[in-house]
């Protein structure tokens, strides 16, 4: 796993937390609450808590593994080291294809808030090209831009919470009104699966393990800290939406955060929400490009992806071939795919990825353990339960894509090795 040029360790704890927050506080907070309300009504608060618990279990697994294996690649590396090459491939392949779809979803979400419909796909392509260029220049620039975008997003959400709670129609009694919407456990679990999409960026830090200073100390601190801040922010937004709009109002809205702000007393606030949503999407896309590129680098180093993708730029010390290839694929998806299909497919891949992380962390010996194995059991079970709440079409496409990847790997492994001096 250590062959090839290495990346530079430039990130401290603060930079790592910022990248984690920028990866999590993205378009999901502006879009995920409406379908969650349709599934569970006021029970979306329970769904949010369940999603946060599963995310925490997964985060502890990722942090514990990243401290032992501080290399680029995240769970792809952990699966290979702890469970074997095929487990690693399962994690890496599902991460790369799922998060490539998520990159396209973030780009389209940005464009939906930023430009008129006729210009959305060209604007999404332009955003992908621009952020790939930023990542190409080095990860410290990624962290710097993420700080700016995150500040804009947090300011917009703070205004949204204040405006929504100040609305004349605000009613705290809606928080205890369980008469609206379905209340079965399936609805609550479905809302948890939908809201988990909004948490799915925390392991981006683990994929950057080769570029973090003192990873055994920094990563286990940064992942839970970033997740905790995100949970607090999402809870505040969820309560605000229920108080300002009620479950029916959230369920019937395409932009519930904007609608909650519009119900408030400040006419200047709604445009700020659009700016915040666009910035959130760009911040998430920026972190996704960095994480997917580095997982692609790790897979290429072992031959699970073409070895051309393992190149590291001699000056900027980034996996530039992997990031350029990712940008090209994402641009193609942006021009051809549907946003809703991209989100469902991405969620399926992410849940399988974290399932492998939990299984791998469960096998770690006592000297490398920082949390009890019960958390890995809960995290793995949670991933399975949330996965079955996804639309069947997302599951079918996800399984088919996994089968294609496994078939290609099997064919590649059956080929005789190239003679020395002639390897790609």
Protein backbone atom coordinates (compact mmCIF):
# COMPACT_ATOMS: atom_id res chain seq x y z
CA UNK A 1 0.00 0.00 0.00
CA UNK A 2 3.01 2.32 0.37
CA UNK A 3 4.33 2.23 -3.20
CA UNK A 4 4.53 5.40 -5.27
CA UNK A 5 4.96 9.08 -4.51
CA UNK A 6 3.64 10.32 -1.17
CA UNK A 7 1.40 13.27 -0.34
CA UNK A 8 2.48 16.03 2.04
CA UNK A 9 1.16 16.32 5.63
CA UNK A 10 -0.05 19.92 5.77
CA UNK A 11 -3.37 19.85 7.67
CA UNK A 12 -3.80 20.50 11.39
CA UNK A 13 -6.86 19.79 13.56
CA UNK A 14 -8.54 23.08 12.67
CA UNK A 15 -8.16 22.51 8.94
CA UNK A 16 -9.42 18.94 9.31
CA UNK A 17 -12.54 20.04 11.23
CA UNK A 18 -13.27 22.70 8.62
CA UNK A 19 -13.02 20.20 5.76
CA UNK A 20 -15.28 17.82 7.68
CA UNK A 21 -17.87 20.53 8.33
CA UNK A 22 -17.69 21.72 4.73
CA UNK A 23 -18.28 18.16 3.54
CA UNK A 24 -21.28 17.57 5.85
CA UNK A 25 -23.06 20.92 5.96
CA UNK A 26 -23.96 20.87 2.30
CA UNK A 27 -27.04 20.75 0.16
CA UNK A 28 -28.63 18.07 2.36
CA UNK A 29 -29.62 20.51 5.09
CA UNK A 30 -31.53 22.56 2.50
CA UNK A 31 -33.23 19.63 0.77
CA UNK A 32 -33.48 16.52 2.99
CA UNK A 33 -36.07 17.71 5.50
CA UNK A 34 -38.97 17.85 3.02
CA UNK A 35 -38.92 14.13 2.07
CA UNK A 36 -38.20 13.26 5.72
CA UNK A 37 -41.35 15.12 6.77
CA UNK A 38 -43.39 13.32 4.12
CA UNK A 39 -42.17 10.01 5.53
CA UNK A 40 -42.51 10.68 9.26
CA UNK A 41 -44.21 14.00 9.97
CA UNK A 42 -43.02 15.38 13.30
CA UNK A 43 -41.28 12.02 13.73
CA UNK A 44 -38.50 13.39 11.54
CA UNK A 45 -36.94 14.56 14.82
CA UNK A 46 -36.64 10.90 15.84
CA UNK A 47 -35.33 10.09 12.39
CA UNK A 48 -32.71 12.82 12.74
CA UNK A 49 -31.62 11.39 16.09
CA UNK A 50 -31.35 7.88 14.61
CA UNK A 51 -29.35 9.16 11.64
CA UNK A 52 -27.03 11.01 14.02
CA UNK A 53 -26.49 7.87 16.15
CA UNK A 54 -25.62 5.76 13.10
CA UNK A 55 -23.35 8.52 11.83
CA UNK A 56 -21.59 8.69 15.21
CA UNK A 57 -21.00 4.94 15.27
CA UNK A 58 -19.62 5.10 11.76
CA UNK A 59 -17.48 8.11 12.62
CA UNK A 60 -15.85 6.34 15.57
CA UNK A 61 -15.04 3.37 13.33
CA UNK A 62 -13.52 5.64 10.69
CA UNK A 63 -11.54 7.62 13.25
CA UNK A 64 -10.19 4.52 14.97
CA UNK A 65 -9.12 2.98 11.68
CA UNK A 66 -7.62 6.22 10.35
CA UNK A 67 -5.41 6.50 13.43
CA UNK A 68 -3.95 3.04 12.72
CA UNK A 69 -3.74 3.44 8.93
CA UNK A 70 -2.97 7.12 8.16
CA UNK A 71 -2.93 6.73 4.37
CA UNK A 72 -5.02 8.12 1.55
CA UNK A 73 -7.96 5.91 0.64
CA UNK A 74 -10.05 5.69 3.81
CA UNK A 75 -12.09 2.50 4.16
CA UNK A 76 -10.61 1.12 0.96
CA UNK A 77 -7.29 0.86 2.81
CA UNK A 78 -8.91 -0.35 6.05
CA UNK A 79 -10.90 -3.07 4.30
CA UNK A 80 -7.81 -4.38 2.52
CA UNK A 81 -5.67 -4.34 5.65
CA UNK A 82 -8.22 -5.79 8.08
CA UNK A 83 -10.46 -7.99 5.93
CA UNK A 84 -8.79 -8.68 2.59
CA UNK A 85 -8.56 -7.26 -0.96
CA UNK A 86 -12.16 -7.95 -1.96
CA UNK A 87 -13.56 -6.17 1.09
CA UNK A 88 -11.31 -3.22 0.33
CA UNK A 89 -12.48 -3.21 -3.25
CA UNK A 90 -16.12 -3.26 -2.11
CA UNK A 91 -15.52 -0.17 0.01
CA UNK A 92 -13.44 1.65 -2.57
CA UNK A 93 -15.69 0.94 -5.52
CA UNK A 94 -18.91 1.88 -3.71
CA UNK A 95 -17.27 5.05 -2.42
CA UNK A 96 -15.91 6.13 -5.79
CA UNK A 97 -19.07 5.47 -7.79
CA UNK A 98 -21.44 6.66 -5.04
CA UNK A 99 -19.55 9.84 -4.32
CA UNK A 100 -19.03 10.56 -8.00
CA UNK A 101 -22.83 10.60 -8.25
CA UNK A 102 -22.94 12.80 -5.16
CA UNK A 103 -20.51 15.25 -6.80
CA UNK A 104 -22.92 15.61 -9.69
CA UNK A 105 -25.85 16.03 -7.27
CA UNK A 106 -24.04 18.82 -5.40
CA UNK A 107 -23.20 20.60 -8.64
CA UNK A 108 -26.82 20.45 -9.81
CA UNK A 109 -28.08 21.65 -6.42
CA UNK A 110 -25.72 24.63 -6.59
CA UNK A 111 -26.99 25.51 -10.04
CA UNK A 112 -30.65 25.18 -8.97
CA UNK A 113 -30.16 27.95 -6.40
CA UNK A 114 -27.76 30.09 -8.40
CA UNK A 115 -29.13 30.43 -11.96
CA UNK A 116 -32.36 30.14 -13.97
CA UNK A 117 -33.39 26.65 -15.16
CA UNK A 118 -32.09 27.06 -18.70
CA UNK A 119 -28.57 27.72 -17.41
CA UNK A 120 -28.41 25.15 -14.64
CA UNK A 121 -26.53 22.33 -16.34
CA UNK A 122 -23.88 24.61 -17.92
CA UNK A 123 -23.44 26.35 -14.56
CA UNK A 124 -23.07 22.99 -12.81
CA UNK A 125 -20.34 21.97 -15.28
CA UNK A 126 -18.57 25.30 -14.71
CA UNK A 127 -18.67 24.72 -10.94
CA UNK A 128 -17.14 21.25 -11.32
CA UNK A 129 -14.34 22.56 -13.53
CA UNK A 130 -13.58 25.44 -11.15
CA UNK A 131 -13.44 23.29 -8.01
CA UNK A 132 -11.36 20.57 -9.64
CA UNK A 133 -8.93 23.36 -10.53
CA UNK A 134 -8.84 24.49 -6.88
CA UNK A 135 -8.12 20.96 -5.68
CA UNK A 136 -5.46 20.61 -8.36
CA UNK A 137 -3.53 23.45 -6.73
CA UNK A 138 -3.21 21.65 -3.41
CA UNK A 139 -5.21 20.71 -0.32
CA UNK A 140 -4.23 23.74 1.75
CA UNK A 141 -6.05 25.86 -0.84
CA UNK A 142 -9.01 23.49 -0.54
CA UNK A 143 -9.12 24.10 3.23
CA UNK A 144 -8.84 27.86 2.76
CA UNK A 145 -11.73 28.04 0.29
CA UNK A 146 -13.78 25.67 2.44
CA UNK A 147 -13.43 28.11 5.38
CA UNK A 148 -14.92 30.90 3.28
CA UNK A 149 -17.82 28.81 1.97
CA UNK A 150 -18.54 27.37 5.41
CA UNK A 151 -18.72 30.83 6.96
CA UNK A 152 -21.31 31.87 4.38
CA UNK A 153 -23.38 28.72 4.97
CA UNK A 154 -23.36 29.03 8.76
CA UNK A 155 -24.33 32.70 8.55
CA UNK A 156 -27.25 31.84 6.25
CA UNK A 157 -28.46 29.05 8.56
CA UNK A 158 -28.19 31.30 11.61
CA UNK A 159 -30.35 33.91 9.88
CA UNK A 160 -32.80 31.19 8.81
CA UNK A 161 -33.18 29.92 12.39
CA UNK A 162 -33.67 33.43 13.80
CA UNK A 163 -36.16 34.42 11.09
CA UNK A 164 -38.16 31.19 11.29
CA UNK A 165 -38.50 31.33 15.06
CA UNK A 166 -39.56 35.01 14.82
CA UNK A 167 -42.35 34.36 12.30
CA UNK A 168 -45.88 35.35 13.32
CA UNK A 169 -47.05 31.87 12.39
CA UNK A 170 -44.43 30.16 14.58
CA UNK A 171 -46.03 27.68 16.97
CA UNK A 172 -43.87 25.65 19.42
CA UNK A 173 -46.85 23.35 19.97
CA UNK A 174 -46.14 21.77 16.59
CA UNK A 175 -43.15 20.01 18.12
CA UNK A 176 -45.48 17.80 20.15
CA UNK A 177 -48.22 17.41 17.52
CA UNK A 178 -47.89 13.80 16.38
CA UNK A 179 -51.23 13.74 14.58
CA UNK A 180 -49.85 14.84 11.19
CA UNK A 181 -48.16 12.45 8.79
CA UNK A 182 -47.42 8.72 9.08
CA UNK A 183 -45.99 7.57 12.41
CA UNK A 184 -45.04 3.95 11.88
CA UNK A 185 -41.50 2.84 12.52
CA UNK A 186 -40.97 2.35 8.80
CA UNK A 187 -41.70 6.03 8.19
CA UNK A 188 -39.32 7.07 10.95
CA UNK A 189 -36.60 4.76 9.64
CA UNK A 190 -37.16 6.04 6.12
CA UNK A 191 -36.73 9.60 7.35
CA UNK A 192 -33.51 8.54 9.09
CA UNK A 193 -32.22 7.06 5.83
CA UNK A 194 -33.05 10.25 3.97
CA UNK A 195 -31.48 12.48 6.60
CA UNK A 196 -28.35 10.32 6.77
CA UNK A 197 -27.48 11.67 3.33
CA UNK A 198 -26.91 15.04 4.99
CA UNK A 199 -24.33 13.54 7.40
CA UNK A 200 -22.38 11.50 4.92
CA UNK A 201 -19.29 13.71 4.63
CA UNK A 202 -17.55 13.08 7.94
CA UNK A 203 -15.32 10.24 6.72
CA UNK A 204 -13.82 12.61 4.15
CA UNK A 205 -11.21 13.25 6.83
CA UNK A 206 -10.21 9.59 6.88
CA UNK A 207 -9.56 9.65 3.13
CA UNK A 208 -7.12 12.53 3.77
CA UNK A 209 -5.10 10.59 6.37
CA UNK A 210 -1.88 10.90 4.37
CA UNK A 211 -2.08 14.71 4.45
CA UNK A 212 -2.91 15.31 8.14
CA UNK A 213 -0.21 16.16 10.64
CA UNK A 214 -0.03 13.70 13.57
CA UNK A 215 -2.97 11.63 12.22
CA UNK A 216 -3.16 9.31 15.25
CA UNK A 217 -4.12 12.34 17.34
CA UNK A 218 -5.72 14.69 14.82
CA UNK A 219 -8.22 12.42 13.04
CA UNK A 220 -9.85 10.85 16.14
CA UNK A 221 -10.37 14.38 17.48
CA UNK A 222 -11.51 16.03 14.27
CA UNK A 223 -14.15 13.53 13.08
CA UNK A 224 -16.34 13.44 16.24
CA UNK A 225 -15.90 17.21 16.72
CA UNK A 226 -17.04 18.01 13.19
CA UNK A 227 -19.95 15.57 13.51
CA UNK A 228 -21.07 17.02 16.85
CA UNK A 229 -21.16 20.57 15.47
CA UNK A 230 -23.13 19.37 12.47
CA UNK A 231 -25.71 17.49 14.57
CA UNK A 232 -26.32 20.58 16.71
CA UNK A 233 -26.83 22.72 13.62
CA UNK A 234 -29.20 20.24 11.96
CA UNK A 235 -31.25 19.90 15.13
CA UNK A 236 -31.66 23.68 15.31
CA UNK A 237 -32.79 23.80 11.67
CA UNK A 238 -35.23 20.88 12.14
CA UNK A 239 -36.86 22.46 15.18
CA UNK A 240 -37.11 25.81 13.38
CA UNK A 241 -38.79 24.28 10.34
CA UNK A 242 -41.35 22.42 12.46
CA UNK A 243 -42.14 25.51 14.55
CA UNK A 244 -42.40 27.83 11.53
CA UNK A 245 -44.07 25.57 8.94
CA UNK A 246 -45.32 22.45 10.69
CA UNK A 247 -44.81 18.96 9.22
CA UNK A 248 -47.35 19.51 6.42
CA UNK A 249 -45.69 22.77 5.41
CA UNK A 250 -42.26 21.14 5.30
CA UNK A 251 -43.54 18.11 3.38
CA UNK A 252 -45.21 20.28 0.74
CA UNK A 253 -42.21 22.54 0.13
CA UNK A 254 -39.38 22.17 -2.35
CA UNK A 255 -37.31 24.71 -0.40
CA UNK A 256 -38.42 24.45 3.25
CA UNK A 257 -35.58 26.53 4.70
CA UNK A 258 -36.33 29.37 2.28
CA UNK A 259 -40.06 29.11 3.08
CA UNK A 260 -39.39 29.30 6.82
CA UNK A 261 -37.32 32.43 6.28
CA UNK A 262 -40.01 33.96 4.06
CA UNK A 263 -42.51 33.48 6.91
CA UNK A 264 -40.28 35.60 9.15
CA UNK A 265 -40.20 39.39 9.54
CA UNK A 266 -37.12 40.15 7.40
CA UNK A 267 -37.61 40.80 3.69
CA UNK A 268 -33.85 40.82 3.08
CA UNK A 269 -33.31 37.32 4.49
CA UNK A 270 -34.67 34.96 1.74
CA UNK A 271 -31.98 35.86 -0.85
CA UNK A 272 -29.34 35.10 1.76
CA UNK A 273 -30.68 31.55 2.05
CA UNK A 274 -30.19 31.07 -1.68
CA UNK A 275 -26.60 32.27 -1.36
CA UNK A 276 -26.08 29.93 1.61
CA UNK A 277 -27.52 26.94 -0.26
CA UNK A 278 -25.28 27.62 -3.25
CA UNK A 279 -22.23 27.99 -1.00
CA UNK A 280 -23.12 24.79 0.90
CA UNK A 281 -23.31 22.84 -2.34
CA UNK A 282 -19.96 24.22 -3.49
CA UNK A 283 -18.33 23.42 -0.14
CA UNK A 284 -19.60 19.85 -0.22
CA UNK A 285 -18.50 19.44 -3.84
CA UNK A 286 -15.04 20.76 -2.98
CA UNK A 287 -14.60 18.19 -0.21
CA UNK A 288 -16.02 15.38 -2.34
CA UNK A 289 -13.55 16.00 -5.15
CA UNK A 290 -10.68 15.80 -2.66
CA UNK A 291 -11.96 12.59 -1.03
CA UNK A 292 -12.87 10.71 -4.21
CA UNK A 293 -9.60 11.65 -5.86
CA UNK A 294 -7.58 10.25 -2.98
CA UNK A 295 -9.57 7.02 -2.83
CA UNK A 296 -9.00 6.65 -6.56
CA UNK A 297 -5.28 7.20 -5.92
CA UNK A 298 -5.22 4.42 -3.31
CA UNK A 299 -7.11 2.00 -5.58
CA UNK A 300 -4.81 2.75 -8.49
CA UNK A 301 -1.73 2.09 -6.35
CA UNK A 302 -2.90 -1.51 -5.84
CA UNK A 303 -4.14 -2.05 -9.38
CA UNK A 304 -7.87 -2.01 -8.57
CA UNK A 305 -8.13 1.01 -10.88
CA UNK A 306 -5.84 1.87 -13.81
CA UNK A 307 -2.37 2.71 -12.50
CA UNK A 308 -2.34 5.93 -14.51
CA UNK A 309 -4.62 7.34 -11.77
CA UNK A 310 -1.90 6.86 -9.13
CA UNK A 311 0.14 9.82 -10.36
CA UNK A 312 0.95 12.58 -7.84
CA UNK A 313 1.69 16.06 -9.18
CA UNK A 314 5.41 16.81 -8.68
CA UNK A 315 4.77 20.36 -7.47
CA UNK A 316 1.33 20.48 -5.90
CA UNK A 317 1.50 16.97 -4.42
CA UNK A 318 -2.08 16.03 -5.30
CA UNK A 319 -3.47 13.01 -7.23
CA UNK A 320 -3.98 15.13 -10.33
CA UNK A 321 -4.79 12.33 -12.80
CA UNK A 322 -7.49 10.93 -10.49
CA UNK A 323 -9.03 14.36 -9.95
CA UNK A 324 -9.03 15.21 -13.67
CA UNK A 325 -10.69 11.89 -14.50
CA UNK A 326 -13.26 12.45 -11.76
CA UNK A 327 -14.04 15.91 -13.09
CA UNK A 328 -14.66 14.54 -16.58
CA UNK A 329 -17.05 11.83 -15.33
CA UNK A 330 -18.94 14.25 -13.08
CA UNK A 331 -19.40 16.71 -15.94
CA UNK A 332 -20.90 13.90 -18.04
CA UNK A 333 -23.31 12.97 -15.23
CA UNK A 334 -24.31 16.60 -14.73
CA UNK A 335 -25.28 16.84 -18.40
CA UNK A 336 -27.21 13.56 -18.48
CA UNK A 337 -28.55 12.45 -15.08
CA UNK A 338 -31.50 13.31 -12.79
CA UNK A 339 -30.80 14.84 -9.37
CA UNK A 340 -33.13 12.55 -7.42
CA UNK A 341 -31.65 9.41 -8.99
CA UNK A 342 -28.13 10.62 -8.21
CA UNK A 343 -28.95 11.12 -4.51
CA UNK A 344 -30.53 7.67 -4.07
CA UNK A 345 -27.67 5.91 -5.84
CA UNK A 346 -25.10 7.84 -3.78
CA UNK A 347 -26.81 6.91 -0.51
CA UNK A 348 -26.70 3.21 -1.35
CA UNK A 349 -22.98 3.34 -2.03
CA UNK A 350 -22.21 5.36 1.09
CA UNK A 351 -24.05 2.94 3.37
CA UNK A 352 -22.14 -0.05 1.97
CA UNK A 353 -18.91 1.88 2.41
CA UNK A 354 -19.60 2.49 6.10
CA UNK A 355 -20.72 -1.10 6.59
CA UNK A 356 -17.22 -2.21 5.57
CA UNK A 357 -15.71 0.41 7.90
CA UNK A 358 -17.63 -0.98 10.87
CA UNK A 359 -16.72 -4.58 10.07
CA UNK A 360 -13.05 -3.62 9.70
CA UNK A 361 -13.01 -1.64 12.94
CA UNK A 362 -14.61 -4.56 14.77
CA UNK A 363 -11.52 -6.67 13.99
CA UNK A 364 -8.98 -4.21 15.41
CA UNK A 365 -6.96 -5.49 18.41
CA UNK A 366 -7.15 -3.89 21.85
CA UNK A 367 -4.03 -1.76 21.42
CA UNK A 368 -5.65 0.11 18.52
CA UNK A 369 -9.15 0.37 19.96
CA UNK A 370 -10.49 3.73 21.15
CA UNK A 371 -14.20 2.85 21.36
CA UNK A 372 -16.05 -0.37 22.32
CA UNK A 373 -16.94 -2.95 19.68
CA UNK A 374 -20.63 -2.44 20.47
CA UNK A 375 -20.49 0.81 18.53
CA UNK A 376 -19.27 -1.02 15.42
CA UNK A 377 -22.08 -3.58 15.78
CA UNK A 378 -24.64 -0.80 16.07
CA UNK A 379 -23.10 1.11 13.17
CA UNK A 380 -23.08 -1.90 10.84
CA UNK A 381 -26.65 -2.82 11.71
CA UNK A 382 -27.73 0.77 11.25
CA UNK A 383 -26.19 0.89 7.78
CA UNK A 384 -28.14 -2.19 6.74
CA UNK A 385 -31.43 -0.90 8.17
CA UNK A 386 -31.09 2.52 6.54
CA UNK A 387 -30.11 0.95 3.21
CA UNK A 388 -33.36 -1.01 2.99
CA UNK A 389 -35.34 2.22 3.36
CA UNK A 390 -34.01 3.51 0.05
CA UNK A 391 -36.18 3.35 -3.09
CA UNK A 392 -35.94 -0.06 -4.75
CA UNK A 393 -34.65 1.51 -7.97
CA UNK A 394 -31.63 2.91 -6.11
CA UNK A 395 -30.92 -0.49 -4.59
CA UNK A 396 -31.20 -2.29 -7.94
CA UNK A 397 -28.92 0.17 -9.73
CA UNK A 398 -26.46 0.04 -6.82
CA UNK A 399 -26.29 -3.75 -6.82
CA UNK A 400 -25.87 -3.81 -10.59
CA UNK A 401 -23.04 -1.27 -10.45
CA UNK A 402 -21.33 -3.27 -7.72
CA UNK A 403 -21.61 -6.42 -9.84
CA UNK A 404 -20.08 -4.64 -12.83
CA UNK A 405 -17.16 -3.42 -10.74
CA UNK A 406 -16.56 -6.85 -9.23
CA UNK A 407 -16.65 -8.43 -12.68
CA UNK A 408 -14.12 -5.98 -14.06
CA UNK A 409 -11.82 -6.57 -11.10
CA UNK A 410 -12.06 -10.34 -11.51
CA UNK A 411 -11.17 -10.06 -15.21
CA UNK A 412 -8.27 -7.75 -14.42
CA UNK A 413 -6.91 -10.17 -11.83
CA UNK A 414 -7.08 -13.09 -14.28
CA UNK A 415 -4.77 -11.35 -16.74
CA UNK A 416 -1.14 -12.46 -16.62
CA UNK A 417 1.17 -9.80 -15.11
CA UNK A 418 2.87 -7.51 -17.58
CA UNK A 419 6.62 -8.03 -18.08
CA UNK A 420 8.90 -5.83 -16.02
CA UNK A 421 9.36 -2.43 -17.59
CA UNK A 422 6.06 -2.63 -19.49
CA UNK A 423 3.53 -1.99 -16.73
CA UNK A 424 0.98 0.77 -17.21
